[in-house]
Amino acid sequence: MGNIENRKNIVTIFGSSSPKPGDPEYQAAFELGTMLTEANYILCNGGYGGTMEASAKGARDAGGRTIGIITDFFNRSANPYMDEVIKVNSPIDRLLKLIELGDAYVVLKGSTGTLVELAMVWEYMNKQILKQRPIIVVGDFWRPVVATLQSELMYEKLDDVTKFVTTAQTPHECVDLLNKKFKCNI
């Protein structure tokens, strides 16, 4: 990325590659991408299909900038809504680049890959490998997982770590939380 020092805040989105146009998860990701662009964020994600495609399409349709991180390991091309594609060697390198570029992280419904992404960002902040940044899970899907982990963290006397993850019910609420965390006014 040429001028990474002068960038707007980048929001990295994690989520499922399965949703298709017409699915509720696809529509929510599209709306999130649109709203992030309208709030002057740059969107970054894994660059493939599903919620990655939907959020990037929403951002692009709204005139925003998108960054996709892909790897030859998956033998797939980036979706057509990526302004910039960064190709890395492995899935681990891909995850590390997604984390590195993010000034905030939004976690949508997903499977084990999305769980790893959420857990790694949260753990990196817990271990102070990564400075504290917003992590927002959207919808009800991750609430039980987050609640269980927060309960365990409190049991382990790590109450401070529970504050790293915030929940939002809707894309609109997610963007409002990001704006508050970055003290933006839209």
C-alpha atoms as a PDB file:
ATOM      1  CA  MET A   1       0.000   0.000   0.000  1.00  0.00           C
ATOM      2  CA  GLY A   2       1.546   3.209  -1.104  1.00  0.00           C
ATOM      3  CA  ASN A   3       0.472   5.752   1.501  1.00  0.00           C
ATOM      4  CA  ILE A   4      -0.421   3.575   4.477  1.00  0.00           C
ATOM      5  CA  GLU A   5       0.729   6.278   6.923  1.00  0.00           C
ATOM      6  CA  ASN A   6      -1.820   8.786   5.568  1.00  0.00           C
ATOM      7  CA  ARG A   7      -4.778   6.435   5.410  1.00  0.00           C
ATOM      8  CA  LYS A   8      -8.251   6.665   6.888  1.00  0.00           C
ATOM      9  CA  ASN A   9      -9.101   4.044   9.500  1.00  0.00           C
ATOM     10  CA  ILE A  10      -9.195   0.552   8.028  1.00  0.00           C
ATOM     11  CA  VAL A  11     -11.871  -1.830   9.254  1.00  0.00           C
ATOM     12  CA  THR A  12     -11.076  -5.508   8.762  1.00  0.00           C
ATOM     13  CA  ILE A  13     -14.175  -7.661   8.383  1.00  0.00           C
ATOM     14  CA  PHE A  14     -14.165 -11.371   9.226  1.00  0.00           C
ATOM     15  CA  GLY A  15     -17.033 -13.641   8.200  1.00  0.00           C
ATOM     16  CA  SER A  16     -18.297 -16.595   6.205  1.00  0.00           C
ATOM     17  CA  SER A  17     -17.495 -17.262   2.573  1.00  0.00           C
ATOM     18  CA  SER A  18     -20.785 -19.165   2.110  1.00  0.00           C
ATOM     19  CA  PRO A  19     -23.609 -16.571   1.895  1.00  0.00           C
ATOM     20  CA  LYS A  20     -24.922 -15.803  -1.581  1.00  0.00           C
ATOM     21  CA  PRO A  21     -26.843 -12.789  -2.912  1.00  0.00           C
ATOM     22  CA  GLY A  22     -30.329 -12.890  -1.429  1.00  0.00           C
ATOM     23  CA  ASP A  23     -29.201 -14.512   1.850  1.00  0.00           C
ATOM     24  CA  PRO A  24     -29.765 -12.395   4.980  1.00  0.00           C
ATOM     25  CA  GLU A  25     -26.058 -12.625   5.924  1.00  0.00           C
ATOM     26  CA  TYR A  26     -25.045 -11.400   2.468  1.00  0.00           C
ATOM     27  CA  GLN A  27     -27.457  -8.455   2.683  1.00  0.00           C
ATOM     28  CA  ALA A  28     -26.249  -7.498   6.182  1.00  0.00           C
ATOM     29  CA  ALA A  29     -22.613  -7.589   5.001  1.00  0.00           C
ATOM     30  CA  PHE A  30     -23.518  -5.462   1.957  1.00  0.00           C
ATOM     31  CA  GLU A  31     -25.219  -2.906   4.227  1.00  0.00           C
ATOM     32  CA  LEU A  32     -22.210  -2.902   6.544  1.00  0.00           C
ATOM     33  CA  GLY A  33     -19.849  -2.197   3.633  1.00  0.00           C
ATOM     34  CA  THR A  34     -22.063   0.646   2.459  1.00  0.00           C
ATOM     35  CA  MET A  35     -22.302   2.189   5.927  1.00  0.00           C
ATOM     36  CA  LEU A  36     -18.558   1.876   6.552  1.00  0.00           C
ATOM     37  CA  THR A  37     -17.873   3.777   3.329  1.00  0.00           C
ATOM     38  CA  GLU A  38     -20.434   6.440   4.188  1.00  0.00           C
ATOM     39  CA  ALA A  39     -18.636   6.867   7.535  1.00  0.00           C
ATOM     40  CA  ASN A  40     -15.277   7.264   5.688  1.00  0.00           C
ATOM     41  CA  TYR A  41     -13.688   3.941   6.595  1.00  0.00           C
ATOM     42  CA  ILE A  42     -11.618   1.763   4.280  1.00  0.00           C
ATOM     43  CA  LEU A  43     -12.799  -1.825   4.131  1.00  0.00           C
ATOM     44  CA  CYS A  44     -10.391  -4.764   4.333  1.00  0.00           C
ATOM     45  CA  ASN A  45     -11.282  -8.445   4.240  1.00  0.00           C
ATOM     46  CA  GLY A  46     -10.201 -11.849   2.992  1.00  0.00           C
ATOM     47  CA  GLY A  47     -11.072 -10.947  -0.588  1.00  0.00           C
ATOM     48  CA  TYR A  48     -13.153 -13.970  -1.585  1.00  0.00           C
ATOM     49  CA  GLY A  49     -16.912 -14.701  -1.681  1.00  0.00           C
ATOM     50  CA  GLY A  50     -19.768 -14.635   0.791  1.00  0.00           C
ATOM     51  CA  THR A  51     -19.704 -11.830   3.343  1.00  0.00           C
ATOM     52  CA  MET A  52     -16.308 -10.738   2.003  1.00  0.00           C
ATOM     53  CA  GLU A  53     -17.778 -10.148  -1.461  1.00  0.00           C
ATOM     54  CA  ALA A  54     -20.963  -8.603  -0.069  1.00  0.00           C
ATOM     55  CA  SER A  55     -19.199  -6.097   2.191  1.00  0.00           C
ATOM     56  CA  ALA A  56     -16.767  -5.144  -0.572  1.00  0.00           C
ATOM     57  CA  LYS A  57     -19.623  -4.725  -3.066  1.00  0.00           C
ATOM     58  CA  GLY A  58     -21.469  -2.497  -0.592  1.00  0.00           C
ATOM     59  CA  ALA A  59     -18.362  -0.386  -0.051  1.00  0.00           C
ATOM     60  CA  ARG A  60     -17.574  -0.090  -3.751  1.00  0.00           C
ATOM     61  CA  ASP A  61     -21.172   0.696  -4.722  1.00  0.00           C
ATOM     62  CA  ALA A  62     -21.017   3.550  -2.184  1.00  0.00           C
ATOM     63  CA  GLY A  63     -17.744   4.844  -3.687  1.00  0.00           C
ATOM     64  CA  GLY A  64     -15.456   3.411  -1.009  1.00  0.00           C
ATOM     65  CA  ARG A  65     -12.048   1.786  -1.057  1.00  0.00           C
ATOM     66  CA  THR A  66     -11.530  -1.954  -0.532  1.00  0.00           C
ATOM     67  CA  ILE A  67      -8.518  -4.130   0.207  1.00  0.00           C
ATOM     68  CA  GLY A  68      -8.547  -7.909  -0.170  1.00  0.00           C
ATOM     69  CA  ILE A  69      -5.967 -10.274   1.276  1.00  0.00           C
ATOM     70  CA  ILE A  70      -5.731 -13.570  -0.608  1.00  0.00           C
ATOM     71  CA  THR A  71      -3.420 -16.559  -0.823  1.00  0.00           C
ATOM     72  CA  ASP A  72      -2.627 -19.108  -3.551  1.00  0.00           C
ATOM     73  CA  PHE A  73      -3.289 -21.813  -0.941  1.00  0.00           C
ATOM     74  CA  PHE A  74      -7.035 -21.538  -1.623  1.00  0.00           C
ATOM     75  CA  ASN A  75      -6.574 -21.504  -5.421  1.00  0.00           C
ATOM     76  CA  ARG A  76      -9.267 -18.827  -5.871  1.00  0.00           C
ATOM     77  CA  SER A  77      -9.305 -15.355  -7.346  1.00  0.00           C
ATOM     78  CA  ALA A  78     -10.285 -12.254  -5.437  1.00  0.00           C
ATOM     79  CA  ASN A  79     -13.848 -11.052  -5.866  1.00  0.00           C
ATOM     80  CA  PRO A  80     -14.293  -8.243  -8.432  1.00  0.00           C
ATOM     81  CA  TYR A  81     -15.007  -5.580  -5.788  1.00  0.00           C
ATOM     82  CA  MET A  82     -11.444  -5.270  -4.501  1.00  0.00           C
ATOM     83  CA  ASP A  83      -9.573  -2.067  -5.331  1.00  0.00           C
ATOM     84  CA  GLU A  84      -6.344  -3.499  -4.024  1.00  0.00           C
ATOM     85  CA  VAL A  85      -5.429  -7.166  -3.717  1.00  0.00           C
ATOM     86  CA  ILE A  86      -2.519  -8.248  -1.544  1.00  0.00           C
ATOM     87  CA  LYS A  87      -1.386 -11.814  -2.174  1.00  0.00           C
ATOM     88  CA  VAL A  88       0.433 -13.628   0.639  1.00  0.00           C
ATOM     89  CA  ASN A  89       1.976 -17.083   0.896  1.00  0.00           C
ATOM     90  CA  SER A  90      -0.203 -18.945   3.371  1.00  0.00           C
ATOM     91  CA  PRO A  91      -3.473 -18.783   5.333  1.00  0.00           C
ATOM     92  CA  ILE A  92      -1.488 -17.779   8.450  1.00  0.00           C
ATOM     93  CA  ASP A  93       0.213 -14.946   6.534  1.00  0.00           C
ATOM     94  CA  ARG A  94      -3.238 -13.910   5.292  1.00  0.00           C
ATOM     95  CA  LEU A  95      -4.626 -13.727   8.817  1.00  0.00           C
ATOM     96  CA  LEU A  96      -1.595 -11.816  10.072  1.00  0.00           C
ATOM     97  CA  LYS A  97      -1.939  -9.273   7.229  1.00  0.00           C
ATOM     98  CA  LEU A  98      -5.667  -8.840   7.920  1.00  0.00           C
ATOM     99  CA  ILE A  99      -4.836  -8.169  11.561  1.00  0.00           C
ATOM    100  CA  GLU A 100      -1.900  -5.878  10.740  1.00  0.00           C
ATOM    101  CA  LEU A 101      -3.954  -3.656   8.436  1.00  0.00           C
ATOM    102  CA  GLY A 102      -6.976  -3.356  10.698  1.00  0.00           C
ATOM    103  CA  ASP A 103      -7.532  -0.368  12.936  1.00  0.00           C
ATOM    104  CA  ALA A 104     -10.723  -2.157  14.008  1.00  0.00           C
ATOM    105  CA  TYR A 105     -12.238  -5.596  13.463  1.00  0.00           C
ATOM    106  CA  VAL A 106     -15.829  -6.526  12.714  1.00  0.00           C
ATOM    107  CA  VAL A 107     -16.830 -10.161  13.078  1.00  0.00           C
ATOM    108  CA  LEU A 108     -19.873 -11.428  11.181  1.00  0.00           C
ATOM    109  CA  LYS A 109     -21.444 -14.871  11.330  1.00  0.00           C
ATOM    110  CA  GLY A 110     -18.968 -17.542  10.277  1.00  0.00           C
ATOM    111  CA  SER A 111     -17.482 -20.934  10.962  1.00  0.00           C
ATOM    112  CA  THR A 112     -14.190 -22.190  12.367  1.00  0.00           C
ATOM    113  CA  GLY A 113     -12.097 -19.845  10.223  1.00  0.00           C
ATOM    114  CA  THR A 114     -13.976 -16.840  11.563  1.00  0.00           C
ATOM    115  CA  LEU A 115     -13.654 -18.233  15.089  1.00  0.00           C
ATOM    116  CA  VAL A 116      -9.862 -18.425  14.639  1.00  0.00           C
ATOM    117  CA  GLU A 117      -9.818 -14.824  13.392  1.00  0.00           C
ATOM    118  CA  LEU A 118     -11.821 -13.563  16.371  1.00  0.00           C
ATOM    119  CA  ALA A 119      -9.774 -15.608  18.828  1.00  0.00           C
ATOM    120  CA  MET A 120      -6.433 -14.523  17.392  1.00  0.00           C
ATOM    121  CA  VAL A 121      -7.235 -10.809  17.445  1.00  0.00           C
ATOM    122  CA  TRP A 122      -8.604 -11.088  20.982  1.00  0.00           C
ATOM    123  CA  GLU A 123      -5.613 -13.116  22.187  1.00  0.00           C
ATOM    124  CA  TYR A 124      -3.100 -10.757  20.575  1.00  0.00           C
ATOM    125  CA  MET A 125      -4.662  -7.906  22.527  1.00  0.00           C
ATOM    126  CA  ASN A 126      -4.789 -10.041  25.669  1.00  0.00           C
ATOM    127  CA  LYS A 127      -1.055 -10.779  25.384  1.00  0.00           C
ATOM    128  CA  GLN A 128      -0.302  -7.176  24.334  1.00  0.00           C
ATOM    129  CA  ILE A 129       1.117  -8.328  21.008  1.00  0.00           C
ATOM    130  CA  LEU A 130      -1.381  -5.940  19.438  1.00  0.00           C
ATOM    131  CA  LYS A 131      -2.444  -2.607  20.866  1.00  0.00           C
ATOM    132  CA  GLN A 132      -6.078  -2.343  21.883  1.00  0.00           C
ATOM    133  CA  ARG A 133      -8.387  -1.799  18.938  1.00  0.00           C
ATOM    134  CA  PRO A 134     -12.142  -2.182  18.572  1.00  0.00           C
ATOM    135  CA  ILE A 135     -13.464  -5.702  18.021  1.00  0.00           C
ATOM    136  CA  ILE A 136     -17.194  -5.741  17.294  1.00  0.00           C
ATOM    137  CA  VAL A 137     -19.233  -8.900  16.782  1.00  0.00           C
ATOM    138  CA  VAL A 138     -22.436  -8.278  14.853  1.00  0.00           C
ATOM    139  CA  GLY A 139     -25.678 -10.165  15.474  1.00  0.00           C
ATOM    140  CA  ASP A 140     -26.511 -12.954  17.876  1.00  0.00           C
ATOM    141  CA  PHE A 141     -24.329 -15.707  16.406  1.00  0.00           C
ATOM    142  CA  TRP A 142     -21.138 -15.009  18.406  1.00  0.00           C
ATOM    143  CA  ARG A 143     -22.809 -13.783  21.612  1.00  0.00           C
ATOM    144  CA  PRO A 144     -22.740 -17.184  23.405  1.00  0.00           C
ATOM    145  CA  VAL A 145     -19.082 -17.725  22.451  1.00  0.00           C
ATOM    146  CA  VAL A 146     -18.073 -14.239  23.603  1.00  0.00           C
ATOM    147  CA  ALA A 147     -20.083 -14.588  26.833  1.00  0.00           C
ATOM    148  CA  THR A 148     -18.439 -17.932  27.625  1.00  0.00           C
ATOM    149  CA  LEU A 149     -14.952 -16.554  27.009  1.00  0.00           C
ATOM    150  CA  GLN A 150     -15.663 -13.400  28.996  1.00  0.00           C
ATOM    151  CA  SER A 151     -16.875 -15.529  31.903  1.00  0.00           C
ATOM    152  CA  GLU A 152     -13.710 -17.621  31.795  1.00  0.00           C
ATOM    153  CA  LEU A 153     -11.520 -14.515  31.594  1.00  0.00           C
ATOM    154  CA  MET A 154     -13.214 -13.121  34.703  1.00  0.00           C
ATOM    155  CA  TYR A 155     -12.698 -16.461  36.450  1.00  0.00           C
ATOM    156  CA  GLU A 156      -8.995 -16.212  35.570  1.00  0.00           C
ATOM    157  CA  LYS A 157      -8.931 -12.653  37.001  1.00  0.00           C
ATOM    158  CA  LEU A 158      -8.425 -11.146  33.554  1.00  0.00           C
ATOM    159  CA  ASP A 159     -11.443  -8.825  33.730  1.00  0.00           C
ATOM    160  CA  ASP A 160      -9.658  -6.119  31.701  1.00  0.00           C
ATOM    161  CA  VAL A 161      -9.492  -8.418  28.683  1.00  0.00           C
ATOM    162  CA  THR A 162     -13.284  -8.795  28.575  1.00  0.00           C
ATOM    163  CA  LYS A 163     -13.658  -5.186  27.391  1.00  0.00           C
ATOM    164  CA  PHE A 164     -11.898  -5.831  24.079  1.00  0.00           C
ATOM    165  CA  VAL A 165     -15.003  -7.302  22.409  1.00  0.00           C
ATOM    166  CA  THR A 166     -18.221  -5.338  21.953  1.00  0.00           C
ATOM    167  CA  THR A 167     -21.458  -6.658  20.504  1.00  0.00           C
ATOM    168  CA  ALA A 168     -23.739  -4.905  18.041  1.00  0.00           C
ATOM    169  CA  GLN A 169     -27.084  -6.145  16.832  1.00  0.00           C
ATOM    170  CA  THR A 170     -27.071  -4.456  13.416  1.00  0.00           C
ATOM    171  CA  PRO A 171     -24.607  -3.012  10.890  1.00  0.00           C
ATOM    172  CA  HIS A 172     -25.879   0.472  11.808  1.00  0.00           C
ATOM    173  CA  GLU A 173     -25.158  -0.104  15.505  1.00  0.00           C
ATOM    174  CA  CYS A 174     -21.718  -1.473  14.568  1.00  0.00           C
ATOM    175  CA  VAL A 175     -20.784   1.669  12.630  1.00  0.00           C
ATOM    176  CA  ASP A 176     -22.116   3.870  15.451  1.00  0.00           C
ATOM    177  CA  LEU A 177     -19.851   2.004  17.893  1.00  0.00           C
ATOM    178  CA  LEU A 178     -16.862   2.419  15.581  1.00  0.00           C
ATOM    179  CA  ASN A 179     -17.560   6.141  15.238  1.00  0.00           C
ATOM    180  CA  LYS A 180     -17.695   6.506  19.017  1.00  0.00           C
ATOM    181  CA  LYS A 181     -14.474   4.525  19.466  1.00  0.00           C
ATOM    182  CA  PHE A 182     -12.702   6.653  16.857  1.00  0.00           C
ATOM    183  CA  LYS A 183     -14.531   9.814  18.032  1.00  0.00           C
ATOM    184  CA  CYS A 184     -15.847  10.510  14.557  1.00  0.00           C
ATOM    185  CA  ASN A 185     -18.835  12.615  13.744  1.00  0.00           C
ATOM    186  CA  ILE A 186     -20.841  11.757  10.674  1.00  0.00           C
END
